[in-house]
Amino acid sequence: MTFSIHGLAVARGVAIGRAVLVASSRVDVAHYFIAPEQVQAEIDRLRKARDEVIAELQRLQRDLPKDAPHELYALLDVHLMLLQDEELTAGVRHWIESRLYNAEWALTSQLEIIGRQFDEMEDAYLRERKADMEQVAERVLASLKGSVPLALVRPAPRPQQELQLEDVQDVPLVLVAHDLSPADMLQFRQSVFTGFVTDVGGKTSHTAIVARSLDIPAVVGARTASQLVRQDDWVIIDGDAGVVIVDPSPIILSEYGFKQRQAQVERERLTRLKHTPAVTLDGERIELLSNIESPDDTVAALAAGSVGVGLFRSEFLFMGRDGHLPDEQEQYHAYRRAVEGMNGLPVTIRTVDVGADKPLDATRHDASHLNPALGLRAIRWSLADPSMFLTQLRAILRAAAHGKVHLLVPMLAHRSEIVQTLTLIGQARHELDRQGMVHGPVKVGAMIEVPAAALSLRLFLQHFDFLSIGTNDLIQYTLAIDRADESVAHLYDPLHPAVLKLVADTIAEGRRQGKPVSVCGEMAGDLTMTRLLLGLGLRSFSMHPTQILPVKQKILHADTRRLTPWAQQVLDSDDPASLMISA
């Protein structure tokens, strides 16, 4: 039976494929595809892990003291029986052989199916055996972890040209999960997943932002999607409408297949604008920059025709490493690759911005704090660990010897933070000089993403060469909402009069003082906001590479002389949204 699930549209487009469920408790289980010739070896690895667990349980049963409760013997018998259950074994083999899943992924996929069967049992005693099955699976997963070939623990994805859909027998796949961290998302780069759905998240949560950077259709905040969708269901993800259609009819499949083809034609048409300068009808030249998460993203940035990197999110070098932070040399090489990858165009590197919805790894999520978004994050985290911060600053300064580099500092609010940050930058230079290390000049800028910063522009412009407005956090902090919480997603409003005033004042003050101001938040790539930002005087936009050509098309048809008085009307209005249609 066809049914739909509604969530929040965060990445445009349509994806059609079979559902791959990733249980939230097992999101850290390795997920990768194996080569066809590795199937038997993977089955053998699974069998070896299962036999090890069986031997362990038999040993435990044998070593139980004579006065141990009889229930313990019975429980171990149940676990041994489940380990040898043919449905579990045959099911896991099916995923390995037909989908080329690695053993861990195959086991958790089959566990999802069997778990649903237990949930549907009428007998309460039998339903409770689901917990036994999960405990058995966890033991096997633990055993598998010790037998994973080193090269496959966190495998680098194969080049796109090598990873065709034929690898999984022409079956496109979509990912369905309760939640995915940004680090988890990055592991799925260049994979055969054509889209994803999560139960939680907001439009500007960092998981959604990464989805847009990967250019795959996505819906977040779908509440119970991971409970309603079953493993291997056919699913359509409508990233434009924020709708997930499960088990679609042939007519619906045909309609969405047509939408997919239309979108592809439109993308191909836009590529003709790549080399067209971004100039408005009245001759205003607009700077279109890219937001990137890794040095490899510079390829997409150049392919989209961007004139530089306006935001390199350096935190993704730090995430998902089990607390082992990158050293100076590793960071230097990453930043250098990004700088050299842009072929002489400027690269703006933001110092590490972790915390809130961007924990370093799953085990260090800031759950101990009542409101991690207001806690030790971004520059606060860096200043709390000067040694770590100096390591990053030295690496950035060294990379600046290879091209144009701007250094961007996130979440500043206090004068003391400004002074301390600039002092540490000076100290990093001095340390490099003392060591005889080559380094280059950098322009230093501040992110305006805290209302206190937006209300202290003259102070900031005394100390910094440029400003970059992080609209995602600026909206979050101005309107006092958690942007990763789907229950208050309807209150996240870039057109709120207070937000627009802070943005407009920042742009105007920067222009008065002759210092560049850009917008690097999601507002920059929002086509509905392009003309308003132009009317407010913005001349530098930084966004995901996939958004550059559609935004450029808007710019080419815009006249800032006409937009400026209209933007002022929007700014003065108590209901700005009502005036947007008149642009």
Protein backbone atom coordinates (compact mmCIF):
# COMPACT_ATOMS: atom_id res chain seq x y z
CA MET A 1 0.00 0.00 0.00
CA THR A 2 1.34 3.40 -1.01
CA PHE A 3 1.65 6.00 1.75
CA SER A 4 3.53 9.25 2.22
CA ILE A 5 5.56 10.75 5.06
CA HIS A 6 5.99 14.49 5.35
CA GLY A 7 9.14 16.20 6.60
CA LEU A 8 11.31 19.19 5.78
CA ALA A 9 12.78 19.67 2.32
CA VAL A 10 16.50 20.36 2.71
CA ALA A 11 18.13 19.28 -0.55
CA ARG A 12 16.34 19.63 -3.86
CA GLY A 13 15.65 16.93 -6.42
CA VAL A 14 14.06 13.51 -6.66
CA ALA A 15 15.57 10.19 -5.58
CA ILE A 16 14.04 6.78 -6.26
CA GLY A 17 15.43 3.58 -4.80
CA ARG A 18 15.27 0.73 -2.34
CA ALA A 19 15.41 1.66 1.34
CA VAL A 20 18.52 0.90 3.37
CA LEU A 21 17.73 1.29 7.08
CA VAL A 22 20.48 2.27 9.50
CA ALA A 23 19.39 1.87 13.11
CA SER A 24 20.33 4.89 15.21
CA SER A 25 22.03 2.71 17.79
CA ARG A 26 24.22 1.17 15.08
CA VAL A 27 25.05 4.20 12.98
CA ASP A 28 28.73 3.68 13.80
CA VAL A 29 28.71 0.19 12.26
CA ALA A 30 30.92 0.09 9.17
CA HIS A 31 28.91 0.41 5.94
CA TYR A 32 30.70 -0.27 2.68
CA PHE A 33 30.32 -2.29 -0.50
CA ILE A 34 32.56 -5.26 -1.23
CA ALA A 35 33.76 -6.45 -4.63
CA PRO A 36 32.01 -9.52 -6.12
CA GLU A 37 35.17 -11.59 -5.69
CA GLN A 38 35.14 -10.78 -1.93
CA VAL A 39 31.70 -12.32 -1.29
CA GLN A 40 32.91 -15.73 -0.11
CA ALA A 41 35.62 -14.19 2.07
CA GLU A 42 33.02 -11.91 3.69
CA ILE A 43 30.70 -14.85 4.35
CA ASP A 44 33.62 -16.75 5.87
CA ARG A 45 34.43 -13.73 8.06
CA LEU A 46 30.83 -13.67 9.28
CA ARG A 47 30.82 -17.42 9.93
CA LYS A 48 34.08 -17.14 11.87
CA ALA A 49 32.66 -14.35 14.05
CA ARG A 50 29.47 -16.33 14.70
CA ASP A 51 31.47 -19.46 15.62
CA GLU A 52 33.61 -17.40 18.02
CA VAL A 53 30.48 -16.14 19.79
CA ILE A 54 29.03 -19.66 19.94
CA ALA A 55 32.27 -20.93 21.48
CA GLU A 56 32.25 -18.05 23.98
CA LEU A 57 28.65 -18.75 25.06
CA GLN A 58 29.30 -22.48 25.37
CA ARG A 59 32.33 -21.70 27.55
CA LEU A 60 30.22 -19.39 29.73
CA GLN A 61 27.55 -22.06 30.04
CA ARG A 62 30.15 -24.69 30.92
CA ASP A 63 31.80 -22.46 33.56
CA LEU A 64 28.59 -21.46 35.34
CA PRO A 65 28.72 -22.34 39.06
CA LYS A 66 26.55 -25.23 40.18
CA ASP A 67 24.34 -22.95 42.25
CA ALA A 68 23.66 -20.57 39.34
CA PRO A 69 19.96 -19.97 38.64
CA HIS A 70 18.49 -22.31 36.03
CA GLU A 71 17.29 -19.24 34.09
CA LEU A 72 20.91 -18.41 33.19
CA TYR A 73 21.38 -21.80 31.52
CA ALA A 74 18.10 -21.32 29.66
CA LEU A 75 19.04 -17.80 28.53
CA LEU A 76 22.37 -18.98 27.12
CA ASP A 77 20.53 -21.83 25.37
CA VAL A 78 18.20 -19.27 23.73
CA HIS A 79 21.15 -17.19 22.57
CA LEU A 80 22.90 -20.26 21.15
CA MET A 81 19.71 -21.27 19.35
CA LEU A 82 19.32 -17.78 17.85
CA LEU A 83 22.92 -17.80 16.65
CA GLN A 84 22.21 -20.96 14.68
CA ASP A 85 18.83 -19.77 13.40
CA GLU A 86 18.61 -20.43 9.67
CA GLU A 87 16.51 -17.31 8.93
CA LEU A 88 19.18 -15.05 10.41
CA THR A 89 22.05 -16.85 8.67
CA ALA A 90 20.35 -17.12 5.26
CA GLY A 91 19.14 -13.52 5.45
CA VAL A 92 22.59 -12.15 6.15
CA ARG A 93 24.05 -14.21 3.30
CA HIS A 94 21.38 -12.74 1.00
CA TRP A 95 22.49 -9.15 1.70
CA ILE A 96 26.14 -10.04 1.16
CA GLU A 97 25.55 -11.98 -2.05
CA SER A 98 22.85 -9.85 -3.71
CA ARG A 99 23.74 -6.35 -2.50
CA LEU A 100 27.46 -6.76 -1.84
CA TYR A 101 27.08 -5.36 1.69
CA ASN A 102 29.92 -5.92 4.12
CA ALA A 103 29.17 -8.43 6.91
CA GLU A 104 28.34 -5.84 9.58
CA TRP A 105 25.94 -3.98 7.32
CA ALA A 106 24.32 -7.24 6.19
CA LEU A 107 23.83 -8.38 9.79
CA THR A 108 22.20 -5.13 10.93
CA SER A 109 19.98 -5.08 7.81
CA GLN A 110 18.68 -8.58 8.54
CA LEU A 111 18.30 -7.71 12.22
CA GLU A 112 15.95 -4.86 11.23
CA ILE A 113 13.73 -7.29 9.30
CA ILE A 114 13.64 -9.92 12.03
CA GLY A 115 13.07 -7.22 14.66
CA ARG A 116 9.94 -6.07 12.81
CA GLN A 117 8.68 -9.66 12.78
CA PHE A 118 9.14 -9.90 16.56
CA ASP A 119 7.29 -6.58 17.02
CA GLU A 120 4.27 -7.96 15.13
CA MET A 121 3.97 -11.11 17.28
CA GLU A 122 0.85 -11.26 19.47
CA ASP A 123 2.50 -13.30 22.20
CA ALA A 124 4.19 -10.92 24.68
CA TYR A 125 6.84 -13.49 25.64
CA LEU A 126 7.86 -14.00 22.01
CA ARG A 127 7.92 -10.23 21.38
CA GLU A 128 10.42 -9.84 24.19
CA ARG A 129 12.80 -12.28 22.46
CA LYS A 130 13.68 -9.38 20.14
CA ALA A 131 16.03 -8.14 22.86
CA ASP A 132 17.78 -11.54 22.87
CA MET A 133 18.25 -11.35 19.12
CA GLU A 134 19.73 -7.85 19.43
CA GLN A 135 22.11 -8.96 22.18
CA VAL A 136 23.29 -11.87 20.03
CA ALA A 137 23.80 -9.58 17.05
CA GLU A 138 25.77 -7.12 19.17
CA ARG A 139 28.11 -9.94 20.23
CA VAL A 140 28.67 -10.94 16.61
CA LEU A 141 29.27 -7.30 15.62
CA ALA A 142 31.85 -6.98 18.38
CA SER A 143 33.59 -10.12 17.12
CA LEU A 144 33.48 -8.83 13.54
CA LYS A 145 35.05 -5.57 14.62
CA GLY A 146 38.14 -7.47 15.65
CA SER A 147 38.33 -9.24 12.29
CA VAL A 148 37.86 -6.30 9.93
CA PRO A 149 40.80 -5.97 7.53
CA LEU A 150 42.65 -2.78 8.47
CA ALA A 151 42.07 -1.23 5.05
CA LEU A 152 38.31 -1.62 5.49
CA VAL A 153 37.78 -0.07 8.92
CA ARG A 154 37.14 3.33 7.35
CA PRO A 155 37.55 2.60 3.65
CA ALA A 156 38.10 5.45 1.23
CA PRO A 157 35.25 5.40 -1.29
CA ARG A 158 36.22 4.17 -4.72
CA PRO A 159 36.40 6.76 -7.48
CA GLN A 160 32.97 7.54 -8.89
CA GLN A 161 33.76 6.02 -12.26
CA GLU A 162 34.55 2.69 -10.60
CA LEU A 163 31.45 2.62 -8.39
CA GLN A 164 28.64 2.17 -10.87
CA LEU A 165 25.14 0.97 -9.99
CA GLU A 166 26.00 -2.35 -11.65
CA ASP A 167 28.05 -3.02 -8.50
CA VAL A 168 24.77 -3.54 -6.67
CA GLN A 169 22.92 -5.12 -9.57
CA ASP A 170 21.33 -1.93 -10.94
CA VAL A 171 19.39 -1.25 -7.72
CA PRO A 172 19.53 2.42 -6.62
CA LEU A 173 19.55 2.82 -2.84
CA VAL A 174 18.26 5.50 -0.48
CA LEU A 175 19.30 5.81 3.15
CA VAL A 176 16.72 5.94 5.96
CA ALA A 177 17.86 6.60 9.54
CA HIS A 178 16.71 8.14 12.80
CA ASP A 179 19.58 10.61 12.57
CA LEU A 180 22.92 11.04 10.84
CA SER A 181 25.78 13.20 12.02
CA PRO A 182 27.67 15.38 9.53
CA ALA A 183 30.63 13.00 9.87
CA ASP A 184 28.37 10.05 9.02
CA MET A 185 27.10 11.94 5.99
CA LEU A 186 30.59 12.56 4.70
CA GLN A 187 31.29 8.81 4.79
CA PHE A 188 28.60 8.38 2.13
CA ARG A 189 30.28 10.74 -0.37
CA GLN A 190 30.60 9.24 -3.85
CA SER A 191 28.54 6.23 -2.79
CA VAL A 192 25.58 4.77 -4.65
CA PHE A 193 23.07 6.29 -2.23
CA THR A 194 20.84 8.57 -4.26
CA GLY A 195 19.13 10.31 -1.31
CA PHE A 196 18.42 10.11 2.40
CA VAL A 197 15.67 10.55 4.99
CA THR A 198 16.01 11.14 8.74
CA ASP A 199 13.46 11.29 11.54
CA VAL A 200 15.02 14.36 13.12
CA GLY A 201 16.80 17.53 12.03
CA GLY A 202 16.04 21.00 10.75
CA LYS A 203 16.54 22.82 7.45
CA THR A 204 19.83 24.32 8.53
CA SER A 205 21.17 21.54 10.74
CA HIS A 206 24.67 20.66 9.63
CA THR A 207 23.51 17.26 8.40
CA ALA A 208 21.14 19.06 6.01
CA ILE A 209 23.92 21.43 4.98
CA VAL A 210 26.21 18.52 4.12
CA ALA A 211 23.38 16.89 2.14
CA ARG A 212 23.13 20.00 0.00
CA SER A 213 26.87 20.01 -0.51
CA LEU A 214 26.65 16.39 -1.71
CA ASP A 215 23.86 17.43 -4.11
CA ILE A 216 21.57 14.55 -3.17
CA PRO A 217 17.81 14.86 -2.49
CA ALA A 218 17.05 14.75 1.23
CA VAL A 219 14.17 15.07 3.68
CA VAL A 220 14.76 15.55 7.42
CA GLY A 221 12.38 15.88 10.36
CA ALA A 222 10.25 13.01 9.01
CA ARG A 223 9.49 11.93 12.59
CA THR A 224 8.77 8.17 12.30
CA ALA A 225 10.18 7.40 8.86
CA SER A 226 12.74 4.91 10.18
CA GLN A 227 9.91 3.02 11.93
CA LEU A 228 7.42 3.07 9.06
CA VAL A 229 9.78 2.30 6.19
CA ARG A 230 10.92 -1.30 5.96
CA GLN A 231 14.23 -2.61 4.74
CA ASP A 232 14.18 -2.88 0.93
CA ASP A 233 10.92 -0.93 0.44
CA TRP A 234 10.77 1.12 -2.76
CA VAL A 235 10.93 4.78 -1.76
CA ILE A 236 10.65 8.11 -3.58
CA ILE A 237 12.28 11.13 -1.91
CA ASP A 238 10.85 14.42 -3.14
CA GLY A 239 13.46 16.86 -1.93
CA ASP A 240 11.53 19.83 -3.35
CA ALA A 241 8.30 19.16 -1.45
CA GLY A 242 9.75 17.45 1.64
CA VAL A 243 7.72 14.28 1.01
CA VAL A 244 8.71 10.62 1.18
CA ILE A 245 6.50 8.21 -0.79
CA VAL A 246 6.73 4.57 0.26
CA ASP A 247 5.81 1.66 -2.03
CA PRO A 248 4.71 3.96 -4.89
CA SER A 249 2.35 2.77 -7.62
CA PRO A 250 3.61 2.46 -11.23
CA ILE A 251 1.82 5.71 -12.15
CA ILE A 252 3.55 7.63 -9.33
CA LEU A 253 6.91 6.07 -10.24
CA SER A 254 6.44 7.17 -13.84
CA GLU A 255 5.53 10.73 -12.80
CA TYR A 256 8.60 11.10 -10.57
CA GLY A 257 10.83 9.50 -13.18
CA PHE A 258 9.75 12.27 -15.55
CA LYS A 259 10.56 14.88 -12.86
CA GLN A 260 14.05 13.40 -12.52
CA ARG A 261 14.66 13.69 -16.25
CA GLN A 262 13.38 17.29 -16.29
CA ALA A 263 15.74 18.23 -13.45
CA GLN A 264 18.68 16.72 -15.33
CA VAL A 265 17.85 18.73 -18.45
CA GLU A 266 17.68 21.94 -16.35
CA ARG A 267 21.07 21.20 -14.74
CA GLU A 268 22.64 20.69 -18.15
CA ARG A 269 21.13 23.97 -19.38
CA LEU A 270 22.56 25.89 -16.42
CA THR A 271 26.10 24.63 -17.09
CA ARG A 272 26.19 27.01 -20.07
CA LEU A 273 26.41 29.87 -17.56
CA LYS A 274 29.64 28.58 -15.98
CA HIS A 275 31.94 31.05 -17.75
CA THR A 276 29.45 33.94 -17.79
CA PRO A 277 30.50 36.71 -15.37
CA ALA A 278 28.00 37.27 -12.54
CA VAL A 279 26.99 40.83 -13.44
CA THR A 280 23.54 42.38 -12.89
CA LEU A 281 21.60 44.19 -15.62
CA ASP A 282 22.84 47.53 -14.26
CA GLY A 283 26.49 46.45 -14.31
CA GLU A 284 27.09 45.45 -10.66
CA ARG A 285 29.69 42.67 -10.49
CA ILE A 286 28.79 40.00 -7.92
CA GLU A 287 31.27 37.63 -6.28
CA LEU A 288 30.07 34.00 -6.15
CA LEU A 289 32.14 31.82 -3.82
CA SER A 290 31.89 28.18 -2.72
CA ASN A 291 31.44 26.59 0.70
CA ILE A 292 33.47 23.37 0.99
CA GLU A 293 34.06 20.65 3.60
CA SER A 294 37.22 19.02 2.24
CA PRO A 295 40.06 19.78 -0.19
CA ASP A 296 38.45 17.44 -2.73
CA ASP A 297 35.47 19.82 -2.97
CA THR A 298 37.59 22.33 -4.85
CA VAL A 299 36.94 20.29 -8.02
CA ALA A 300 33.20 20.95 -7.73
CA ALA A 301 33.84 24.60 -6.82
CA LEU A 302 35.82 25.21 -9.99
CA ALA A 303 33.38 23.18 -12.09
CA ALA A 304 30.55 25.48 -10.92
CA GLY A 305 32.52 28.57 -11.94
CA SER A 306 33.03 29.97 -8.44
CA VAL A 307 35.69 32.67 -8.07
CA GLY A 308 37.06 31.34 -4.79
CA VAL A 309 36.21 29.53 -1.57
CA GLY A 310 34.25 31.71 0.82
CA LEU A 311 34.09 29.08 3.57
CA PHE A 312 36.27 26.01 4.12
CA ARG A 313 34.71 24.24 7.11
CA SER A 314 37.90 22.96 8.71
CA GLU A 315 36.02 21.12 11.46
CA PHE A 316 35.41 18.18 9.15
CA LEU A 317 39.12 17.39 9.41
CA PHE A 318 38.58 16.97 13.17
CA MET A 319 35.37 14.94 13.25
CA GLY A 320 34.84 11.18 13.53
CA ARG A 321 38.40 10.49 14.71
CA ASP A 322 37.63 9.10 18.19
CA GLY A 323 39.29 12.07 19.84
CA HIS A 324 42.57 11.87 17.88
CA LEU A 325 42.88 15.40 16.51
CA PRO A 326 44.84 16.07 13.30
CA ASP A 327 48.36 17.29 13.90
CA GLU A 328 49.92 20.37 12.30
CA GLN A 329 51.41 18.50 9.35
CA GLU A 330 48.14 16.76 8.45
CA GLN A 331 46.22 20.02 8.62
CA TYR A 332 48.88 21.87 6.62
CA HIS A 333 48.69 19.32 3.81
CA ALA A 334 44.87 19.49 3.75
CA TYR A 335 44.80 23.30 3.62
CA ARG A 336 47.59 23.35 1.05
CA ARG A 337 45.66 20.93 -1.17
CA ALA A 338 42.62 23.21 -0.99
CA VAL A 339 44.68 26.30 -1.79
CA GLU A 340 46.48 24.66 -4.70
CA GLY A 341 43.23 23.07 -5.87
CA MET A 342 41.71 26.52 -6.42
CA ASN A 343 44.47 27.47 -8.90
CA GLY A 344 45.32 30.86 -7.40
CA LEU A 345 41.78 31.85 -6.40
CA PRO A 346 41.31 32.90 -2.75
CA VAL A 347 40.44 30.34 -0.08
CA THR A 348 38.80 31.39 3.20
CA ILE A 349 39.54 28.85 5.95
CA ARG A 350 37.31 28.99 9.02
CA THR A 351 38.95 27.89 12.24
CA VAL A 352 37.44 24.78 13.77
CA ASP A 353 33.74 25.17 14.60
CA VAL A 354 32.64 22.15 16.65
CA GLY A 355 29.95 21.73 19.27
CA ALA A 356 26.12 21.71 19.26
CA ASP A 357 25.05 19.71 16.16
CA LYS A 358 28.68 19.15 15.11
CA PRO A 359 30.25 16.96 17.81
CA LEU A 360 33.77 15.71 17.22
CA ASP A 361 32.47 12.14 17.25
CA ALA A 362 29.51 10.12 18.43
CA THR A 363 31.10 9.31 21.77
CA ARG A 364 31.80 12.96 22.59
CA HIS A 365 28.42 14.47 21.79
CA ASP A 366 27.73 17.40 24.07
CA ALA A 367 24.73 15.73 25.69
CA SER A 368 25.86 16.60 29.21
CA HIS A 369 25.01 20.27 28.66
CA LEU A 370 21.42 21.46 28.72
CA ASN A 371 21.98 23.64 25.66
CA PRO A 372 25.17 22.78 23.78
CA ALA A 373 24.47 25.49 21.16
CA LEU A 374 25.19 28.01 23.93
CA GLY A 375 28.12 26.10 25.37
CA LEU A 376 31.79 25.54 24.62
CA ARG A 377 31.74 25.65 20.83
CA ALA A 378 33.53 27.33 17.91
CA ILE A 379 36.05 30.01 19.03
CA ARG A 380 35.21 29.34 22.68
CA TRP A 381 36.38 25.76 22.25
CA SER A 382 39.54 26.90 20.46
CA LEU A 383 40.43 29.52 23.08
CA ALA A 384 39.87 26.96 25.83
CA ASP A 385 42.64 24.84 24.26
CA PRO A 386 45.34 27.30 23.05
CA SER A 387 47.76 24.51 22.14
CA MET A 388 45.25 22.93 19.74
CA PHE A 389 44.33 26.35 18.34
CA LEU A 390 47.96 27.35 17.77
CA THR A 391 48.50 24.08 15.91
CA GLN A 392 45.69 24.95 13.52
CA LEU A 393 46.79 28.55 13.11
CA ARG A 394 50.35 27.51 12.24
CA ALA A 395 49.04 25.05 9.64
CA ILE A 396 46.83 27.73 8.03
CA LEU A 397 49.65 30.29 7.98
CA ARG A 398 51.98 27.75 6.36
CA ALA A 399 49.37 26.92 3.70
CA ALA A 400 49.13 30.66 2.94
CA ALA A 401 52.61 30.46 1.40
CA HIS A 402 51.02 28.53 -1.49
CA GLY A 403 48.27 30.96 -2.47
CA LYS A 404 45.71 33.50 -1.32
CA VAL A 405 44.35 32.55 2.10
CA HIS A 406 41.88 34.35 4.33
CA LEU A 407 41.40 33.25 7.93
CA LEU A 408 37.86 33.36 9.34
CA VAL A 409 37.01 33.18 13.05
CA PRO A 410 33.56 31.85 14.08
CA MET A 411 31.18 32.92 16.85
CA LEU A 412 33.05 35.89 18.27
CA ALA A 413 31.03 38.11 20.60
CA HIS A 414 33.38 39.75 23.13
CA ARG A 415 36.25 42.19 22.77
CA SER A 416 38.34 39.93 24.99
CA GLU A 417 37.82 37.05 22.52
CA ILE A 418 38.90 39.29 19.64
CA VAL A 419 42.06 40.38 21.43
CA GLN A 420 42.92 36.85 22.54
CA THR A 421 42.37 35.45 19.03
CA LEU A 422 44.53 38.10 17.33
CA THR A 423 47.24 37.62 19.96
CA LEU A 424 47.35 33.88 19.28
CA ILE A 425 47.57 34.50 15.51
CA GLY A 426 50.57 36.73 16.20
CA GLN A 427 52.06 34.07 18.46
CA ALA A 428 51.62 31.41 15.76
CA ARG A 429 53.53 33.63 13.30
CA HIS A 430 56.30 34.17 15.85
CA GLU A 431 56.61 30.42 16.49
CA LEU A 432 56.92 29.73 12.74
CA ASP A 433 59.56 32.45 12.40
CA ARG A 434 61.50 30.99 15.29
CA GLN A 435 61.40 27.54 13.66
CA GLY A 436 62.39 28.97 10.26
CA MET A 437 59.12 27.72 8.71
CA VAL A 438 57.83 29.44 5.57
CA HIS A 439 54.42 31.08 5.93
CA GLY A 440 52.34 33.60 4.06
CA PRO A 441 50.17 36.66 4.70
CA VAL A 442 46.49 36.18 5.52
CA LYS A 443 43.55 38.52 5.78
CA VAL A 444 41.68 37.93 9.03
CA GLY A 445 37.90 38.10 9.18
CA ALA A 446 35.14 37.51 11.71
CA MET A 447 31.85 35.70 11.35
CA ILE A 448 28.79 37.68 12.33
CA GLU A 449 26.51 35.00 13.73
CA VAL A 450 25.78 36.20 17.26
CA PRO A 451 23.45 39.21 17.72
CA ALA A 452 26.03 40.79 20.04
CA ALA A 453 28.50 40.83 17.15
CA ALA A 454 25.96 42.32 14.75
CA LEU A 455 25.33 45.09 17.29
CA SER A 456 29.09 45.75 17.73
CA LEU A 457 30.10 46.20 14.10
CA ARG A 458 32.36 49.21 14.62
CA LEU A 459 34.39 47.29 17.20
CA PHE A 460 34.71 44.32 14.84
CA LEU A 461 35.66 46.44 11.84
CA GLN A 462 38.44 48.09 13.86
CA HIS A 463 40.15 44.72 14.17
CA PHE A 464 39.19 42.67 11.09
CA ASP A 465 39.80 42.92 7.35
CA PHE A 466 36.40 41.51 6.36
CA LEU A 467 33.14 40.14 7.77
CA SER A 468 31.16 37.04 6.84
CA ILE A 469 27.54 36.74 7.95
CA GLY A 470 26.69 33.22 9.13
CA THR A 471 22.93 33.48 8.73
CA ASN A 472 22.22 29.96 10.02
CA ASP A 473 23.43 30.69 13.54
CA LEU A 474 22.45 34.37 13.40
CA ILE A 475 18.81 33.35 12.86
CA GLN A 476 19.08 30.64 15.53
CA TYR A 477 20.44 32.98 18.19
CA THR A 478 18.29 35.98 17.25
CA LEU A 479 15.04 33.99 17.35
CA ALA A 480 16.09 31.69 20.25
CA ILE A 481 15.40 28.41 18.46
CA ASP A 482 17.42 25.23 18.00
CA ARG A 483 17.91 24.96 14.26
CA ALA A 484 18.42 21.18 14.49
CA ASP A 485 15.08 20.65 16.26
CA GLU A 486 12.29 19.82 13.84
CA SER A 487 9.63 20.65 16.47
CA VAL A 488 10.47 24.37 16.21
CA ALA A 489 11.51 24.34 12.55
CA HIS A 490 8.46 26.44 11.62
CA LEU A 491 9.88 29.30 13.73
CA TYR A 492 13.14 29.41 11.78
CA ASP A 493 12.48 32.50 9.68
CA PRO A 494 15.17 34.29 7.62
CA LEU A 495 12.57 36.97 6.83
CA HIS A 496 11.94 37.90 10.45
CA PRO A 497 12.27 41.73 10.70
CA ALA A 498 14.92 41.46 13.43
CA VAL A 499 17.06 39.10 11.34
CA LEU A 500 16.79 41.27 8.23
CA LYS A 501 17.77 44.38 10.20
CA LEU A 502 20.91 42.72 11.57
CA VAL A 503 21.89 41.48 8.10
CA ALA A 504 21.19 44.85 6.45
CA ASP A 505 23.07 46.82 9.12
CA THR A 506 26.12 44.56 8.77
CA ILE A 507 26.20 44.97 4.97
CA ALA A 508 25.71 48.75 5.23
CA GLU A 509 28.39 49.28 7.90
CA GLY A 510 30.90 47.22 5.94
CA ARG A 511 30.26 49.28 2.81
CA ARG A 512 30.58 52.54 4.79
CA GLN A 513 33.99 51.49 6.06
CA GLY A 514 35.12 50.03 2.74
CA LYS A 515 35.52 46.48 4.07
CA PRO A 516 34.13 43.40 2.30
CA VAL A 517 31.04 41.67 3.70
CA SER A 518 29.80 38.32 2.45
CA VAL A 519 26.98 35.97 3.43
CA CYS A 520 28.12 32.35 3.83
CA GLY A 521 25.00 30.90 5.45
CA GLU A 522 22.21 29.02 3.72
CA MET A 523 20.50 32.33 2.92
CA ALA A 524 23.19 32.97 0.28
CA GLY A 525 22.12 29.95 -1.77
CA ASP A 526 18.38 30.42 -1.26
CA LEU A 527 16.95 31.53 -4.62
CA THR A 528 14.03 33.24 -2.89
CA MET A 529 16.48 35.52 -1.05
CA THR A 530 18.87 36.43 -3.89
CA ARG A 531 17.16 39.61 -5.08
CA LEU A 532 16.51 40.84 -1.53
CA LEU A 533 20.19 40.45 -0.58
CA LEU A 534 21.20 42.27 -3.78
CA GLY A 535 18.79 45.07 -2.89
CA LEU A 536 20.30 45.30 0.59
CA GLY A 537 23.70 45.90 -0.99
CA LEU A 538 25.31 42.46 -0.74
CA ARG A 539 27.92 41.88 -3.43
CA SER A 540 29.56 38.66 -2.19
CA PHE A 541 27.69 35.35 -1.81
CA SER A 542 29.21 32.07 -0.59
CA MET A 543 27.26 28.84 -1.03
CA HIS A 544 27.48 25.18 -1.98
CA PRO A 545 28.88 24.73 -5.48
CA THR A 546 25.62 23.12 -6.60
CA GLN A 547 23.75 26.36 -5.86
CA ILE A 548 26.06 28.74 -7.75
CA LEU A 549 24.64 28.42 -11.26
CA PRO A 550 20.95 28.79 -10.26
CA VAL A 551 21.87 31.87 -8.16
CA LYS A 552 23.95 33.27 -11.02
CA GLN A 553 20.93 32.96 -13.31
CA LYS A 554 18.92 35.09 -10.85
CA ILE A 555 21.70 37.68 -10.68
CA LEU A 556 21.93 37.99 -14.46
CA HIS A 557 18.26 39.00 -14.59
CA ALA A 558 18.41 41.40 -11.62
CA ASP A 559 18.62 45.20 -11.61
CA THR A 560 19.93 46.51 -8.27
CA ARG A 561 18.66 50.04 -9.02
CA ARG A 562 15.13 48.67 -9.00
CA LEU A 563 15.74 46.24 -6.16
CA THR A 564 17.22 48.76 -3.67
CA PRO A 565 14.02 50.77 -2.95
CA TRP A 566 11.97 47.57 -2.85
CA ALA A 567 14.42 45.98 -0.38
CA GLN A 568 14.07 49.05 1.86
CA GLN A 569 10.30 48.56 1.86
CA VAL A 570 10.79 44.93 2.88
CA LEU A 571 13.17 46.02 5.63
CA ASP A 572 10.68 48.59 6.98
CA SER A 573 7.74 46.18 6.91
CA ASP A 574 6.32 44.31 9.91
CA ASP A 575 5.48 41.48 7.50
CA PRO A 576 8.43 41.19 5.06
CA ALA A 577 7.22 37.88 3.61
CA SER A 578 4.11 39.55 2.21
CA LEU A 579 6.26 41.85 0.05
CA MET A 580 8.57 39.19 -1.37
CA ILE A 581 6.25 38.35 -4.27
CA SER A 582 6.55 41.91 -5.60
CA ALA A 583 10.26 41.54 -6.43
